[in-house]
Amino acid sequence: MKNKIILFCLLSTVLLGVMNSFFFNLALVPIAKDLNISISFSSWFILGYSIMVTVGSIIYSKLAESIQLKKLYLFALVIFVLFSILGFFMDHFYLLVLSRMAQGVGGAAFISLTMVAIIDVLDRALLPIGLAFISFAMALGSGLGPLLSGIILSIKDWHMLFLFMSCAIIFIPILYFTFPENKVENKTPFDWLGTFYLLLCILFLLCALNINFLFIVFCSLFSLVFIRHINTVSYPIIDKKIFNNTIFVRITSLSFLLFFLLGANVFLLSYIFSYTFNPIQSGILFFISALIGGFASIGIGKNMTNKNVKKFYRIGLYIFFIGYLISIFNSKIGIVYILTSVCCFIAFSVVQVALNNLLDLELKESKKISIGVYNLCNFIGMSIGVALFSKLVIIFNINICFIFLLATVITKGFMSNNINTAKGN
């Protein structure tokens, strides 16, 4: 029972963290008006949070090797709640962006450390349902975030979006008294310089995607510096040895493409729905789609075994394929895009549960840092999906955009052919 309470709290924070990633999208215009700034400046409310969550996922995973999971989680929750409350009272643009980035410092722990806890700390009997519920929380959060933010913005101003997230405070005392004291590996020096280089790589990559593509020059430069650094220090932030595991690299690449599809889906469908529905109606459609996808992940998680995991993975790809195919040939009918939304969220949930199980089967050592790299690539994939299709939708019509997504699904299918699940049998 105690493990189930812990699992519920951890998955609830995953839900809040994912919701927070989408919470300020609808608020960018009112924020720009209230603070008298441009829309491009207000986009830092999203970009700043994304940077900290992306880099933080690898930092927390690395720290989990030498610091107890309980301490890290409580620290993350306190930071998340504190700056959610402070953000509510602030009206200066730079202080608000810092509050969002500080939220990201806390929120970065939720997905990474929850995966570590489920795979490495909690009762192994909870593993299948735990991994399924991670997918449920992520699918639901991506639909519930826009819906709740639309409702809140229709009632109160955007400051309430900060205050809403402070509800995570209820999990602090529960986890303090219930979370187990896990054993940690030998303490090693933390690679702060490598972390700094990685932060700059992610920062310039996201700036290149969201602001100006010329930032890719700086991203490439610091990427080379980072690669040289991890090849020369004794305890790098990312141990290059984990990339010798070809199956892990393939699973991570497939997950990267999956989150690329998620980011592209949410952006494209939001763009399409904006011409047909008001923000609350659009939010309801996303929520219903995400809810259906979330329940699909639970059903799949309960029935997934080491032997049928690849079968369910392929089923998810087929659902993606159907959703994109009907949109390509029936782009004038609104109900078709609603069906596409449902298909995409179901497919995302099914494929993610399958990939998380494949990851658990493959990881025999260096679990924490491997999970960090896995989630790092996921966040980058989602950011690239949003940024790329925000540009493509201007150049091409919607049909062509869905053809690109269809090609991505086909690529995922070919890449998964050589994944061997025999190790988990």
Protein backbone atom coordinates (compact mmCIF):
# COMPACT_ATOMS: atom_id res chain seq x y z
CA MET A 1 0.00 0.00 0.00
CA LYS A 2 2.84 2.38 0.88
CA ASN A 3 4.48 1.87 -2.52
CA LYS A 4 1.16 2.57 -4.25
CA ILE A 5 0.80 5.88 -2.39
CA ILE A 6 4.33 6.86 -3.40
CA LEU A 7 3.64 5.86 -7.00
CA PHE A 8 0.44 7.94 -7.05
CA CYS A 9 2.31 11.02 -5.78
CA LEU A 10 5.17 10.59 -8.25
CA LEU A 11 2.83 10.14 -11.21
CA SER A 12 0.79 13.16 -10.11
CA THR A 13 3.94 15.30 -10.25
CA VAL A 14 4.66 13.92 -13.75
CA LEU A 15 1.17 15.06 -14.75
CA LEU A 16 1.77 18.54 -13.31
CA GLY A 17 5.17 18.82 -14.97
CA VAL A 18 3.81 17.91 -18.41
CA MET A 19 0.83 20.24 -17.96
CA ASN A 20 3.20 23.06 -17.06
CA SER A 21 5.05 22.58 -20.36
CA PHE A 22 1.86 23.49 -22.23
CA PHE A 23 0.30 25.83 -19.63
CA PHE A 24 1.54 29.18 -20.91
CA ASN A 25 1.02 28.63 -24.65
CA LEU A 26 -2.42 30.28 -24.63
CA ALA A 27 -1.18 33.06 -22.31
CA LEU A 28 1.58 34.46 -24.54
CA VAL A 29 -0.62 37.12 -26.16
CA PRO A 30 -2.13 38.48 -22.89
CA ILE A 31 1.32 38.39 -21.26
CA ALA A 32 2.79 40.38 -24.15
CA LYS A 33 -0.01 42.97 -23.84
CA ASP A 34 0.17 43.29 -20.06
CA LEU A 35 3.96 43.60 -19.94
CA ASN A 36 4.20 45.66 -23.14
CA ILE A 37 6.62 43.27 -24.83
CA SER A 38 6.70 41.50 -28.19
CA ILE A 39 5.32 37.99 -28.72
CA SER A 40 8.85 36.74 -29.43
CA PHE A 41 9.94 37.98 -25.99
CA SER A 42 6.95 36.38 -24.29
CA SER A 43 7.91 33.04 -25.87
CA TRP A 44 10.68 32.87 -23.24
CA PHE A 45 7.98 31.76 -20.80
CA ILE A 46 7.96 28.51 -22.77
CA LEU A 47 11.56 28.45 -23.94
CA GLY A 48 13.05 29.12 -20.49
CA TYR A 49 11.05 26.32 -18.90
CA SER A 50 11.96 23.93 -21.75
CA ILE A 51 15.70 24.66 -21.39
CA MET A 52 15.74 23.93 -17.66
CA VAL A 53 13.60 20.79 -17.94
CA THR A 54 15.73 19.45 -20.78
CA VAL A 55 19.09 19.99 -19.09
CA GLY A 56 17.73 19.24 -15.62
CA SER A 57 16.60 15.76 -16.66
CA ILE A 58 20.21 14.66 -17.14
CA ILE A 59 21.47 16.53 -14.04
CA TYR A 60 18.97 14.88 -11.69
CA SER A 61 19.69 11.46 -13.17
CA LYS A 62 23.42 11.98 -12.59
CA LEU A 63 22.92 13.31 -9.05
CA ALA A 64 20.75 10.27 -8.27
CA GLU A 65 23.90 8.15 -8.45
CA SER A 66 25.32 9.81 -5.34
CA ILE A 67 22.35 11.51 -3.59
CA GLN A 68 19.28 9.76 -2.23
CA LEU A 69 16.26 9.94 -4.49
CA LYS A 70 14.07 11.16 -1.64
CA LYS A 71 16.26 14.24 -1.01
CA LEU A 72 16.39 15.11 -4.70
CA TYR A 73 12.64 14.77 -5.11
CA LEU A 74 11.82 16.90 -2.06
CA PHE A 75 14.31 19.56 -3.20
CA ALA A 76 12.68 19.63 -6.66
CA LEU A 77 9.17 19.90 -5.20
CA VAL A 78 10.14 22.76 -2.85
CA ILE A 79 11.75 24.72 -5.72
CA PHE A 80 8.77 24.08 -8.01
CA VAL A 81 6.20 25.17 -5.42
CA LEU A 82 8.21 28.16 -4.13
CA PHE A 83 8.66 29.76 -7.54
CA SER A 84 5.10 28.93 -8.58
CA ILE A 85 3.96 31.06 -5.64
CA LEU A 86 6.54 33.81 -6.26
CA GLY A 87 5.60 33.99 -9.95
CA PHE A 88 2.02 34.80 -8.98
CA PHE A 89 3.13 38.00 -7.22
CA MET A 90 5.59 39.26 -9.84
CA ASP A 91 4.93 41.70 -12.69
CA HIS A 92 8.43 42.31 -14.04
CA PHE A 93 9.20 40.39 -17.25
CA TYR A 94 12.71 39.20 -16.34
CA LEU A 95 11.70 38.13 -12.82
CA LEU A 96 8.75 36.22 -14.28
CA VAL A 97 11.00 34.42 -16.77
CA LEU A 98 13.38 33.55 -13.93
CA SER A 99 10.40 32.15 -12.01
CA ARG A 100 9.47 30.00 -14.99
CA MET A 101 13.07 28.78 -15.32
CA ALA A 102 13.15 28.00 -11.60
CA GLN A 103 9.90 26.06 -12.04
CA GLY A 104 11.78 24.12 -14.71
CA VAL A 105 14.61 23.38 -12.25
CA GLY A 106 12.01 21.66 -10.07
CA GLY A 107 9.88 20.18 -12.84
CA ALA A 108 12.92 18.60 -14.52
CA ALA A 109 13.04 16.02 -11.72
CA PHE A 110 9.51 14.73 -12.08
CA ILE A 111 9.75 12.48 -15.15
CA SER A 112 13.40 11.42 -14.81
CA LEU A 113 13.33 10.59 -11.10
CA THR A 114 9.93 8.94 -11.34
CA MET A 115 11.28 6.59 -14.02
CA VAL A 116 14.34 5.89 -11.84
CA ALA A 117 12.11 5.19 -8.82
CA ILE A 118 9.81 2.84 -10.74
CA ILE A 119 12.62 0.92 -12.43
CA ASP A 120 15.21 0.89 -9.64
CA VAL A 121 13.65 1.64 -6.23
CA LEU A 122 9.96 0.72 -5.85
CA ASP A 123 8.48 -2.78 -5.76
CA ARG A 124 9.15 -4.48 -9.13
CA ALA A 125 5.55 -5.74 -9.10
CA LEU A 126 4.49 -2.14 -9.77
CA LEU A 127 6.77 -1.79 -12.80
CA PRO A 128 4.28 -2.60 -15.62
CA ILE A 129 1.50 -0.40 -14.27
CA GLY A 130 4.01 2.29 -13.26
CA LEU A 131 5.46 2.62 -16.75
CA ALA A 132 1.94 2.56 -18.21
CA PHE A 133 0.83 5.34 -15.88
CA ILE A 134 3.84 7.48 -16.85
CA SER A 135 2.54 7.35 -20.41
CA PHE A 136 -0.99 8.02 -19.11
CA ALA A 137 0.22 11.08 -17.15
CA MET A 138 2.19 12.45 -20.10
CA ALA A 139 -0.65 11.98 -22.59
CA LEU A 140 -3.22 13.38 -20.18
CA GLY A 141 -1.00 16.32 -19.21
CA SER A 142 -0.50 17.39 -22.82
CA GLY A 143 -4.29 17.54 -23.25
CA LEU A 144 -5.27 18.75 -19.80
CA GLY A 145 -2.71 21.60 -19.80
CA PRO A 146 -4.27 23.58 -22.67
CA LEU A 147 -7.80 22.89 -21.37
CA LEU A 148 -7.20 24.09 -17.80
CA SER A 149 -5.13 27.08 -18.91
CA GLY A 150 -7.94 28.10 -21.29
CA ILE A 151 -10.51 27.83 -18.48
CA ILE A 152 -8.31 29.74 -16.01
CA LEU A 153 -7.57 32.50 -18.54
CA SER A 154 -11.28 32.90 -19.24
CA ILE A 155 -11.92 33.47 -15.52
CA LYS A 156 -8.74 35.09 -14.14
CA ASP A 157 -5.56 36.61 -15.56
CA TRP A 158 -2.40 34.68 -16.42
CA HIS A 159 -0.89 35.11 -12.93
CA MET A 160 -3.23 32.34 -11.77
CA LEU A 161 -1.37 29.90 -13.99
CA PHE A 162 1.60 30.22 -11.64
CA LEU A 163 -0.50 29.85 -8.50
CA PHE A 164 -2.32 26.77 -9.83
CA MET A 165 0.96 24.83 -10.02
CA SER A 166 1.65 25.45 -6.33
CA CYS A 167 -0.88 22.66 -5.61
CA ALA A 168 2.17 20.35 -5.81
CA ILE A 169 2.81 21.38 -2.18
CA ILE A 170 0.46 18.61 -1.00
CA PHE A 171 2.96 15.96 -2.14
CA ILE A 172 5.87 17.29 -0.04
CA PRO A 173 4.72 15.96 3.37
CA ILE A 174 3.40 12.71 1.86
CA LEU A 175 6.71 11.87 0.15
CA TYR A 176 8.70 13.04 3.17
CA PHE A 177 7.06 10.41 5.37
CA THR A 178 6.61 7.59 2.84
CA PHE A 179 9.49 7.66 0.33
CA PRO A 180 12.04 4.92 1.10
CA GLU A 181 15.71 5.57 1.86
CA ASN A 182 17.45 4.00 -1.13
CA LYS A 183 21.09 3.00 -1.35
CA VAL A 184 23.31 5.23 -3.46
CA GLU A 185 26.38 4.32 -5.45
CA ASN A 186 29.85 5.55 -4.56
CA LYS A 187 29.99 9.33 -4.60
CA THR A 188 31.93 10.74 -7.53
CA PRO A 189 32.81 14.36 -8.40
CA PHE A 190 30.00 16.12 -10.26
CA ASP A 191 30.95 17.41 -13.70
CA TRP A 192 29.79 21.03 -13.41
CA LEU A 193 31.88 22.20 -16.37
CA GLY A 194 30.40 19.51 -18.62
CA THR A 195 26.94 20.46 -17.36
CA PHE A 196 27.64 24.09 -18.31
CA TYR A 197 28.72 23.07 -21.83
CA LEU A 198 25.61 20.88 -22.18
CA LEU A 199 23.40 23.74 -20.98
CA LEU A 200 24.86 26.04 -23.64
CA CYS A 201 24.36 23.37 -26.33
CA ILE A 202 20.67 23.01 -25.41
CA LEU A 203 20.20 26.77 -25.01
CA PHE A 204 21.60 27.58 -28.46
CA LEU A 205 19.77 24.65 -30.06
CA LEU A 206 16.40 25.85 -28.72
CA CYS A 207 17.25 29.45 -29.66
CA ALA A 208 18.08 28.26 -33.20
CA LEU A 209 14.73 26.46 -33.41
CA ASN A 210 12.60 29.18 -31.86
CA ILE A 211 14.35 32.51 -32.54
CA ASN A 212 17.01 32.51 -35.26
CA PHE A 213 18.63 29.57 -37.02
CA LEU A 214 22.05 31.29 -36.91
CA PHE A 215 22.29 30.17 -33.27
CA ILE A 216 23.02 26.69 -34.66
CA VAL A 217 26.61 27.85 -35.18
CA PHE A 218 27.06 28.36 -31.43
CA CYS A 219 25.23 25.08 -30.75
CA SER A 220 27.64 23.20 -33.04
CA LEU A 221 30.66 24.90 -31.48
CA PHE A 222 29.71 24.01 -27.90
CA SER A 223 28.68 20.51 -28.98
CA LEU A 224 32.24 19.91 -30.17
CA VAL A 225 33.60 21.35 -26.93
CA PHE A 226 31.23 19.13 -24.93
CA ILE A 227 32.21 15.98 -26.86
CA ARG A 228 35.90 16.74 -26.32
CA HIS A 229 35.23 17.37 -22.63
CA ILE A 230 33.48 14.04 -21.92
CA ASN A 231 36.31 12.25 -23.70
CA THR A 232 38.98 13.78 -21.47
CA VAL A 233 37.57 13.91 -17.90
CA SER A 234 37.32 10.97 -15.51
CA TYR A 235 33.71 11.49 -14.39
CA PRO A 236 31.78 13.21 -17.20
CA ILE A 237 28.13 14.28 -16.87
CA ILE A 238 27.36 11.73 -19.62
CA ASP A 239 29.51 8.62 -19.71
CA LYS A 240 30.30 7.88 -23.35
CA LYS A 241 30.25 4.13 -22.56
CA ILE A 242 26.45 4.07 -22.54
CA PHE A 243 26.53 4.82 -26.28
CA ASN A 244 28.36 1.53 -26.84
CA ASN A 245 25.01 -0.15 -26.12
CA THR A 246 23.55 -0.10 -29.63
CA ILE A 247 20.10 -1.28 -28.54
CA PHE A 248 19.89 1.53 -25.95
CA VAL A 249 20.89 4.05 -28.65
CA ARG A 250 18.23 2.66 -31.00
CA ILE A 251 15.49 2.75 -28.34
CA THR A 252 16.46 6.32 -27.42
CA SER A 253 16.39 7.34 -31.10
CA LEU A 254 12.92 5.83 -31.49
CA SER A 255 11.73 7.68 -28.39
CA PHE A 256 13.25 10.91 -29.73
CA LEU A 257 11.16 10.50 -32.91
CA LEU A 258 8.08 9.67 -30.84
CA PHE A 259 8.33 12.93 -28.88
CA PHE A 260 9.10 14.75 -32.12
CA LEU A 261 5.72 13.47 -33.35
CA LEU A 262 4.04 14.55 -30.08
CA GLY A 263 5.34 18.11 -30.36
CA ALA A 264 4.39 18.31 -34.04
CA ASN A 265 0.93 16.82 -33.36
CA VAL A 266 0.06 19.27 -30.59
CA PHE A 267 1.22 22.24 -32.65
CA LEU A 268 -0.46 21.23 -35.93
CA LEU A 269 -3.76 20.25 -34.34
CA SER A 270 -3.78 23.44 -32.22
CA TYR A 271 -3.21 25.41 -35.43
CA ILE A 272 -6.04 23.59 -37.22
CA PHE A 273 -8.48 23.76 -34.30
CA SER A 274 -7.89 27.52 -33.88
CA TYR A 275 -9.71 28.12 -37.19
CA THR A 276 -12.75 26.06 -36.18
CA PHE A 277 -13.10 26.17 -32.39
CA ASN A 278 -12.57 28.63 -29.53
CA PRO A 279 -9.70 27.97 -27.05
CA ILE A 280 -11.87 26.14 -24.51
CA GLN A 281 -13.43 23.91 -27.18
CA SER A 282 -9.97 23.14 -28.55
CA GLY A 283 -8.78 22.33 -25.04
CA ILE A 284 -11.74 19.98 -24.52
CA LEU A 285 -10.92 18.15 -27.76
CA PHE A 286 -7.27 17.75 -26.72
CA PHE A 287 -8.32 16.61 -23.26
CA ILE A 288 -10.73 13.97 -24.59
CA SER A 289 -8.10 12.71 -27.03
CA ALA A 290 -5.44 12.60 -24.31
CA LEU A 291 -7.81 10.87 -21.88
CA ILE A 292 -8.62 8.15 -24.42
CA GLY A 293 -4.91 7.76 -25.14
CA GLY A 294 -4.14 7.62 -21.43
CA PHE A 295 -6.65 4.87 -20.73
CA ALA A 296 -5.30 2.99 -23.75
CA SER A 297 -1.83 3.08 -22.15
CA ILE A 298 -3.20 1.59 -18.92
CA GLY A 299 -4.94 -1.22 -20.78
CA ILE A 300 -1.82 -1.91 -22.84
CA GLY A 301 0.44 -1.73 -19.78
CA LYS A 302 -1.58 -4.39 -17.95
CA ASN A 303 -1.35 -6.79 -20.90
CA MET A 304 2.19 -6.08 -22.08
CA THR A 305 4.82 -8.76 -21.54
CA ASN A 306 8.42 -9.20 -22.64
CA LYS A 307 7.22 -11.38 -25.50
CA ASN A 308 4.52 -9.10 -26.96
CA VAL A 309 6.13 -5.69 -26.42
CA LYS A 310 7.22 -5.36 -30.07
CA LYS A 311 3.75 -6.40 -31.21
CA PHE A 312 2.16 -3.52 -29.26
CA TYR A 313 4.84 -1.16 -30.57
CA ARG A 314 3.83 -2.01 -34.15
CA ILE A 315 0.14 -1.59 -33.29
CA GLY A 316 0.94 1.94 -32.10
CA LEU A 317 2.70 2.71 -35.39
CA TYR A 318 -0.29 1.40 -37.36
CA ILE A 319 -2.59 3.74 -35.41
CA PHE A 320 -0.28 6.67 -36.15
CA PHE A 321 -0.30 5.66 -39.82
CA ILE A 322 -4.12 5.54 -39.97
CA GLY A 323 -4.48 8.92 -38.23
CA TYR A 324 -2.12 10.70 -40.59
CA LEU A 325 -3.46 8.93 -43.67
CA ILE A 326 -7.06 10.04 -43.15
CA SER A 327 -5.92 13.64 -42.61
CA ILE A 328 -3.95 13.67 -45.86
CA PHE A 329 -6.94 12.64 -47.97
CA ASN A 330 -9.78 14.32 -46.02
CA SER A 331 -8.35 17.67 -44.96
CA LYS A 332 -11.55 19.69 -45.41
CA ILE A 333 -13.65 17.84 -42.83
CA GLY A 334 -13.34 18.95 -39.19
CA ILE A 335 -14.33 15.58 -37.70
CA VAL A 336 -11.38 13.98 -39.52
CA TYR A 337 -8.91 16.07 -37.54
CA ILE A 338 -10.68 15.12 -34.33
CA LEU A 339 -10.23 11.46 -35.27
CA THR A 340 -6.59 12.20 -36.10
CA SER A 341 -6.15 13.76 -32.66
CA VAL A 342 -7.61 10.67 -30.97
CA CYS A 343 -5.45 8.33 -33.09
CA CYS A 344 -2.28 10.31 -32.36
CA PHE A 345 -2.76 10.31 -28.59
CA ILE A 346 -3.64 6.60 -28.52
CA ALA A 347 -0.64 5.79 -30.71
CA PHE A 348 1.70 7.94 -28.60
CA SER A 349 0.59 6.20 -25.41
CA VAL A 350 0.92 2.69 -26.84
CA VAL A 351 4.35 3.32 -28.38
CA GLN A 352 5.69 5.06 -25.28
CA VAL A 353 4.64 2.23 -22.97
CA ALA A 354 6.35 -0.23 -25.34
CA LEU A 355 9.56 1.82 -25.50
CA ASN A 356 9.69 2.31 -21.72
CA ASN A 357 9.38 -1.46 -21.26
CA LEU A 358 12.07 -2.09 -23.87
CA LEU A 359 14.30 0.38 -22.02
CA ASP A 360 13.81 -1.47 -18.73
CA LEU A 361 14.62 -4.80 -20.40
CA GLU A 362 17.83 -3.41 -21.86
CA LEU A 363 19.25 -1.50 -18.89
CA LYS A 364 21.45 -3.72 -16.75
CA GLU A 365 23.79 -1.05 -15.36
CA SER A 366 24.14 2.76 -15.33
CA LYS A 367 20.36 2.91 -15.15
CA LYS A 368 20.10 6.41 -13.73
CA ILE A 369 22.27 8.23 -16.25
CA SER A 370 20.81 6.17 -19.11
CA ILE A 371 17.32 7.26 -18.11
CA GLY A 372 18.59 10.85 -17.98
CA VAL A 373 19.96 10.66 -21.53
CA TYR A 374 16.72 8.98 -22.65
CA ASN A 375 14.58 11.82 -21.26
CA LEU A 376 17.02 14.48 -22.48
CA CYS A 377 16.53 13.24 -26.05
CA ASN A 378 12.75 13.10 -25.54
CA PHE A 379 12.53 16.75 -24.51
CA ILE A 380 14.76 17.83 -27.38
CA GLY A 381 12.64 15.83 -29.82
CA MET A 382 9.44 17.49 -28.64
CA SER A 383 10.99 20.97 -28.91
CA ILE A 384 12.25 20.27 -32.43
CA GLY A 385 8.81 18.97 -33.44
CA VAL A 386 7.08 22.17 -32.35
CA ALA A 387 9.73 24.50 -33.79
CA LEU A 388 10.07 22.71 -37.14
CA PHE A 389 6.37 22.45 -37.88
CA SER A 390 5.73 26.05 -36.83
CA LYS A 391 7.93 26.88 -39.84
CA LEU A 392 6.69 24.15 -42.22
CA VAL A 393 3.02 25.06 -41.75
CA ILE A 394 3.82 28.50 -43.21
CA ILE A 395 5.66 27.07 -46.23
CA PHE A 396 3.47 24.05 -47.04
CA ASN A 397 -0.23 23.24 -46.71
CA ILE A 398 -1.51 20.97 -43.96
CA ASN A 399 -1.61 17.89 -46.21
CA ILE A 400 2.14 18.12 -46.89
CA CYS A 401 2.86 18.53 -43.16
CA PHE A 402 0.99 15.29 -42.42
CA ILE A 403 2.92 13.56 -45.21
CA PHE A 404 6.14 14.52 -43.40
CA LEU A 405 4.74 13.01 -40.20
CA LEU A 406 3.70 9.88 -42.08
CA ALA A 407 7.27 9.55 -43.38
CA THR A 408 8.54 9.84 -39.78
CA VAL A 409 6.27 6.96 -38.70
CA ILE A 410 7.54 4.80 -41.59
CA THR A 411 11.12 5.64 -40.56
CA LYS A 412 10.33 4.57 -36.99
CA GLY A 413 9.00 1.28 -38.33
CA PHE A 414 12.20 0.51 -40.24
CA MET A 415 14.41 1.55 -37.31
CA SER A 416 12.62 -0.82 -34.91
CA ASN A 417 13.17 -3.96 -36.99
CA ASN A 418 16.50 -4.84 -35.36
CA ILE A 419 15.47 -4.37 -31.73
CA ASN A 420 15.88 -7.67 -29.91
CA THR A 421 13.79 -8.31 -26.79
CA ALA A 422 15.28 -11.70 -26.03
CA LYS A 423 17.26 -10.31 -23.10
CA GLY A 424 14.12 -9.65 -21.18
CA ASN A 425 12.63 -13.11 -21.73
